[in-house]
Amino acid sequence: MDEDWTVPDHVAQGRLERLIALVREIAAEKNLAELGRITEVLVEKRARRGDLLQARTDTFKVVLIPGPKDWIGRYMRVALTGTSGATFTGFPVEP
């Protein structure tokens, strides 16, 4: 007795879209809860947009911060000031 358990493409696509939306919603809630927190980041490189630097937290979240190019390669403490979904904006703070 062979049964065909194949899910039609349109059903699979709809399920995938709902799953992605749920994951993004949960991530956005968690990221909003992080705003105002001060965390250490490693400044990696110049960001693709604007005159910002791209840094990363110890949990691999991307943080865009203003600053000079010679900060690349340094660890810094930053305050998380905004989020656009998966990316944070931040501002360097004194240790």
N, C-alpha and C. Protein backbone atom coordinates (compact mmCIF):
# COMPACT_ATOMS: atom_id res chain seq x y z
N MET A 1 0.83 -1.16 0.00
CA MET A 1 0.00 0.00 0.00
C MET A 1 0.89 1.24 0.00
N ASP A 2 1.15 1.77 -1.18
CA ASP A 2 1.95 2.99 -1.32
C ASP A 2 1.05 4.21 -1.25
N GLU A 3 1.42 5.11 -0.33
CA GLU A 3 0.67 6.36 -0.22
C GLU A 3 1.58 7.50 -0.65
N ASP A 4 0.99 8.45 -1.33
CA ASP A 4 1.75 9.62 -1.78
C ASP A 4 1.62 10.72 -0.74
N TRP A 5 2.73 11.02 -0.03
CA TRP A 5 2.74 12.04 1.01
C TRP A 5 3.29 13.37 0.51
N THR A 6 3.33 13.52 -0.78
CA THR A 6 3.86 14.75 -1.37
C THR A 6 2.92 15.92 -1.08
N VAL A 7 3.52 17.01 -0.60
CA VAL A 7 2.76 18.22 -0.34
C VAL A 7 2.83 19.09 -1.59
N PRO A 8 1.70 19.58 -2.07
CA PRO A 8 1.72 20.43 -3.26
C PRO A 8 2.61 21.66 -3.02
N ASP A 9 3.26 22.12 -4.08
CA ASP A 9 4.19 23.25 -3.97
C ASP A 9 3.54 24.49 -3.36
N HIS A 10 2.32 24.82 -3.76
CA HIS A 10 1.69 26.03 -3.23
C HIS A 10 1.41 25.90 -1.73
N VAL A 11 1.14 24.70 -1.24
CA VAL A 11 0.91 24.48 0.19
C VAL A 11 2.24 24.61 0.94
N ALA A 12 3.29 23.99 0.40
CA ALA A 12 4.61 24.06 1.03
C ALA A 12 5.11 25.51 1.06
N GLN A 13 4.91 26.24 -0.02
CA GLN A 13 5.33 27.64 -0.08
C GLN A 13 4.59 28.48 0.95
N GLY A 14 3.31 28.26 1.10
CA GLY A 14 2.52 28.99 2.09
C GLY A 14 2.99 28.69 3.51
N ARG A 15 3.28 27.43 3.79
CA ARG A 15 3.79 27.06 5.11
C ARG A 15 5.14 27.72 5.38
N LEU A 16 6.00 27.71 4.38
CA LEU A 16 7.32 28.32 4.53
C LEU A 16 7.20 29.82 4.79
N GLU A 17 6.34 30.49 4.06
CA GLU A 17 6.15 31.94 4.25
C GLU A 17 5.64 32.25 5.66
N ARG A 18 4.70 31.42 6.17
CA ARG A 18 4.19 31.63 7.53
C ARG A 18 5.29 31.38 8.57
N LEU A 19 6.11 30.38 8.35
CA LEU A 19 7.20 30.08 9.26
C LEU A 19 8.22 31.22 9.29
N ILE A 20 8.60 31.72 8.12
CA ILE A 20 9.55 32.83 8.05
C ILE A 20 8.99 34.06 8.74
N ALA A 21 7.72 34.36 8.52
CA ALA A 21 7.09 35.52 9.16
C ALA A 21 7.11 35.37 10.68
N LEU A 22 6.85 34.18 11.19
CA LEU A 22 6.85 33.94 12.63
C LEU A 22 8.25 34.10 13.21
N VAL A 23 9.26 33.56 12.53
CA VAL A 23 10.64 33.68 12.99
C VAL A 23 11.06 35.15 13.03
N ARG A 24 10.71 35.91 12.01
CA ARG A 24 11.03 37.34 11.98
C ARG A 24 10.32 38.10 13.09
N GLU A 25 9.08 37.75 13.37
CA GLU A 25 8.32 38.41 14.43
C GLU A 25 8.97 38.15 15.79
N ILE A 26 9.35 36.90 16.06
CA ILE A 26 9.99 36.56 17.32
C ILE A 26 11.34 37.25 17.45
N ALA A 27 12.12 37.27 16.37
CA ALA A 27 13.43 37.94 16.39
C ALA A 27 13.27 39.44 16.63
N ALA A 28 12.27 40.06 16.02
CA ALA A 28 12.04 41.49 16.22
C ALA A 28 11.68 41.79 17.67
N GLU A 29 10.85 40.94 18.29
CA GLU A 29 10.50 41.13 19.70
C GLU A 29 11.74 41.02 20.59
N LYS A 30 12.57 40.02 20.32
CA LYS A 30 13.79 39.84 21.11
C LYS A 30 14.75 41.02 20.91
N ASN A 31 14.87 41.50 19.68
CA ASN A 31 15.76 42.62 19.40
C ASN A 31 15.27 43.90 20.06
N LEU A 32 13.97 44.13 20.06
CA LEU A 32 13.43 45.32 20.73
C LEU A 32 13.74 45.28 22.23
N ALA A 33 13.75 44.10 22.82
CA ALA A 33 14.05 43.96 24.24
C ALA A 33 15.52 44.28 24.53
N GLU A 34 16.38 44.23 23.52
CA GLU A 34 17.80 44.51 23.69
C GLU A 34 18.13 46.01 23.65
N LEU A 35 17.21 46.82 23.14
CA LEU A 35 17.48 48.25 22.99
C LEU A 35 17.78 48.89 24.34
N GLY A 36 18.80 49.74 24.35
CA GLY A 36 19.23 50.40 25.57
C GLY A 36 20.33 49.65 26.30
N ARG A 37 20.54 48.41 25.94
CA ARG A 37 21.57 47.60 26.58
C ARG A 37 22.94 48.03 26.10
N ILE A 38 23.94 47.92 26.95
CA ILE A 38 25.33 48.18 26.57
C ILE A 38 26.01 46.83 26.42
N THR A 39 26.69 46.63 25.29
CA THR A 39 27.33 45.36 25.00
C THR A 39 28.68 45.58 24.33
N GLU A 40 29.52 44.58 24.40
CA GLU A 40 30.81 44.66 23.73
C GLU A 40 30.68 44.12 22.31
N VAL A 41 31.33 44.80 21.38
CA VAL A 41 31.31 44.39 19.98
C VAL A 41 32.73 44.37 19.44
N LEU A 42 32.92 43.62 18.39
CA LEU A 42 34.16 43.66 17.61
C LEU A 42 33.86 44.42 16.33
N VAL A 43 34.59 45.50 16.10
CA VAL A 43 34.38 46.29 14.88
C VAL A 43 35.06 45.53 13.74
N GLU A 44 34.27 45.16 12.73
CA GLU A 44 34.76 44.29 11.66
C GLU A 44 35.23 45.04 10.41
N LYS A 45 34.41 45.99 9.96
CA LYS A 45 34.70 46.64 8.67
C LYS A 45 33.81 47.84 8.48
N ARG A 46 34.02 48.55 7.38
CA ARG A 46 33.12 49.63 6.99
C ARG A 46 31.80 49.02 6.57
N ALA A 47 30.72 49.65 6.97
CA ALA A 47 29.39 49.18 6.57
C ALA A 47 29.17 49.53 5.11
N ARG A 48 28.25 48.83 4.48
CA ARG A 48 27.94 49.09 3.08
C ARG A 48 27.23 50.41 2.86
N ARG A 49 26.53 50.87 3.90
CA ARG A 49 25.78 52.12 3.71
C ARG A 49 26.29 53.19 4.65
N GLY A 50 26.30 54.39 4.16
CA GLY A 50 26.68 55.54 4.97
C GLY A 50 28.13 55.51 5.41
N ASP A 51 28.45 56.33 6.35
CA ASP A 51 29.80 56.40 6.90
C ASP A 51 29.86 55.65 8.22
N LEU A 52 29.26 54.48 8.26
CA LEU A 52 29.19 53.70 9.48
C LEU A 52 30.16 52.54 9.44
N LEU A 53 30.43 51.98 10.62
CA LEU A 53 31.23 50.78 10.75
C LEU A 53 30.31 49.62 11.11
N GLN A 54 30.68 48.45 10.65
CA GLN A 54 29.92 47.25 11.00
C GLN A 54 30.65 46.51 12.10
N ALA A 55 29.92 46.23 13.17
CA ALA A 55 30.48 45.51 14.31
C ALA A 55 29.59 44.31 14.59
N ARG A 56 30.09 43.40 15.44
CA ARG A 56 29.32 42.21 15.75
C ARG A 56 29.42 41.91 17.25
N THR A 57 28.29 41.53 17.84
CA THR A 57 28.26 41.19 19.25
C THR A 57 28.79 39.77 19.45
N ASP A 58 28.93 39.35 20.71
CA ASP A 58 29.38 37.99 20.98
C ASP A 58 28.31 36.95 20.63
N THR A 59 27.09 37.42 20.32
CA THR A 59 26.04 36.51 19.85
C THR A 59 25.83 36.66 18.34
N PHE A 60 26.80 37.29 17.68
CA PHE A 60 26.86 37.44 16.21
C PHE A 60 25.80 38.35 15.62
N LYS A 61 25.24 39.23 16.44
CA LYS A 61 24.30 40.23 15.90
C LYS A 61 25.08 41.40 15.33
N VAL A 62 24.63 41.91 14.19
CA VAL A 62 25.30 43.02 13.52
C VAL A 62 24.85 44.34 14.14
N VAL A 63 25.84 45.21 14.42
CA VAL A 63 25.57 46.54 14.97
C VAL A 63 26.30 47.56 14.11
N LEU A 64 25.59 48.55 13.61
CA LEU A 64 26.19 49.63 12.83
C LEU A 64 26.45 50.80 13.76
N ILE A 65 27.70 51.29 13.75
CA ILE A 65 28.08 52.38 14.64
C ILE A 65 28.84 53.44 13.86
N PRO A 66 28.75 54.71 14.30
CA PRO A 66 29.57 55.74 13.69
C PRO A 66 30.98 55.66 14.28
N GLY A 67 31.96 56.00 13.47
CA GLY A 67 33.32 56.02 13.99
C GLY A 67 34.35 55.98 12.87
N PRO A 68 35.62 56.23 13.23
CA PRO A 68 36.68 56.24 12.23
C PRO A 68 37.12 54.83 11.83
N LYS A 69 37.68 54.75 10.66
CA LYS A 69 38.13 53.49 10.09
C LYS A 69 39.17 52.79 10.97
N ASP A 70 39.95 53.54 11.75
CA ASP A 70 41.00 52.91 12.55
C ASP A 70 40.43 52.13 13.75
N TRP A 71 39.13 52.16 13.97
CA TRP A 71 38.51 51.32 15.00
C TRP A 71 38.36 49.87 14.54
N ILE A 72 38.50 49.61 13.25
CA ILE A 72 38.34 48.25 12.73
C ILE A 72 39.37 47.34 13.40
N GLY A 73 38.89 46.22 13.91
CA GLY A 73 39.73 45.26 14.61
C GLY A 73 39.71 45.43 16.12
N ARG A 74 39.07 46.48 16.61
CA ARG A 74 39.02 46.76 18.05
C ARG A 74 37.72 46.25 18.67
N TYR A 75 37.82 45.92 19.93
CA TYR A 75 36.63 45.66 20.73
C TYR A 75 36.19 46.96 21.36
N MET A 76 34.88 47.20 21.39
CA MET A 76 34.33 48.43 21.94
C MET A 76 33.04 48.11 22.67
N ARG A 77 32.70 48.98 23.61
CA ARG A 77 31.40 48.90 24.27
C ARG A 77 30.47 49.88 23.56
N VAL A 78 29.29 49.38 23.21
CA VAL A 78 28.31 50.23 22.53
C VAL A 78 26.95 50.10 23.20
N ALA A 79 26.18 51.17 23.12
CA ALA A 79 24.79 51.15 23.54
C ALA A 79 23.94 50.85 22.32
N LEU A 80 23.06 49.88 22.42
CA LEU A 80 22.17 49.54 21.31
C LEU A 80 21.02 50.55 21.29
N THR A 81 20.93 51.30 20.19
CA THR A 81 19.98 52.42 20.14
C THR A 81 18.81 52.21 19.19
N GLY A 82 18.91 51.26 18.29
CA GLY A 82 17.83 51.03 17.33
C GLY A 82 17.97 49.68 16.67
N THR A 83 16.91 49.26 16.01
CA THR A 83 16.95 48.00 15.27
C THR A 83 16.04 48.10 14.05
N SER A 84 16.46 47.46 12.99
CA SER A 84 15.65 47.44 11.77
C SER A 84 15.28 46.01 11.42
N GLY A 85 15.10 45.20 12.41
CA GLY A 85 14.82 43.79 12.17
C GLY A 85 15.99 42.96 12.63
N ALA A 86 16.91 42.67 11.72
CA ALA A 86 18.06 41.83 12.06
C ALA A 86 19.30 42.63 12.43
N THR A 87 19.32 43.91 12.10
CA THR A 87 20.50 44.75 12.33
C THR A 87 20.20 45.80 13.40
N PHE A 88 21.19 46.02 14.26
CA PHE A 88 21.08 47.05 15.28
C PHE A 88 21.86 48.29 14.86
N THR A 89 21.47 49.42 15.42
CA THR A 89 22.31 50.62 15.37
C THR A 89 22.76 50.85 16.81
N GLY A 90 23.95 51.44 16.93
CA GLY A 90 24.48 51.66 18.25
C GLY A 90 25.37 52.88 18.29
N PHE A 91 25.82 53.20 19.50
CA PHE A 91 26.68 54.34 19.70
C PHE A 91 27.75 53.95 20.70
N PRO A 92 29.03 54.21 20.40
CA PRO A 92 30.11 53.86 21.33
C PRO A 92 29.95 54.58 22.66
N VAL A 93 30.27 53.88 23.74
CA VAL A 93 30.23 54.45 25.09
C VAL A 93 31.59 54.25 25.74
N GLU A 94 31.89 55.08 26.71
CA GLU A 94 33.16 54.95 27.43
C GLU A 94 33.12 53.69 28.30
N PRO A 95 34.25 53.03 28.48
CA PRO A 95 34.27 51.82 29.33
C PRO A 95 33.98 52.13 30.78
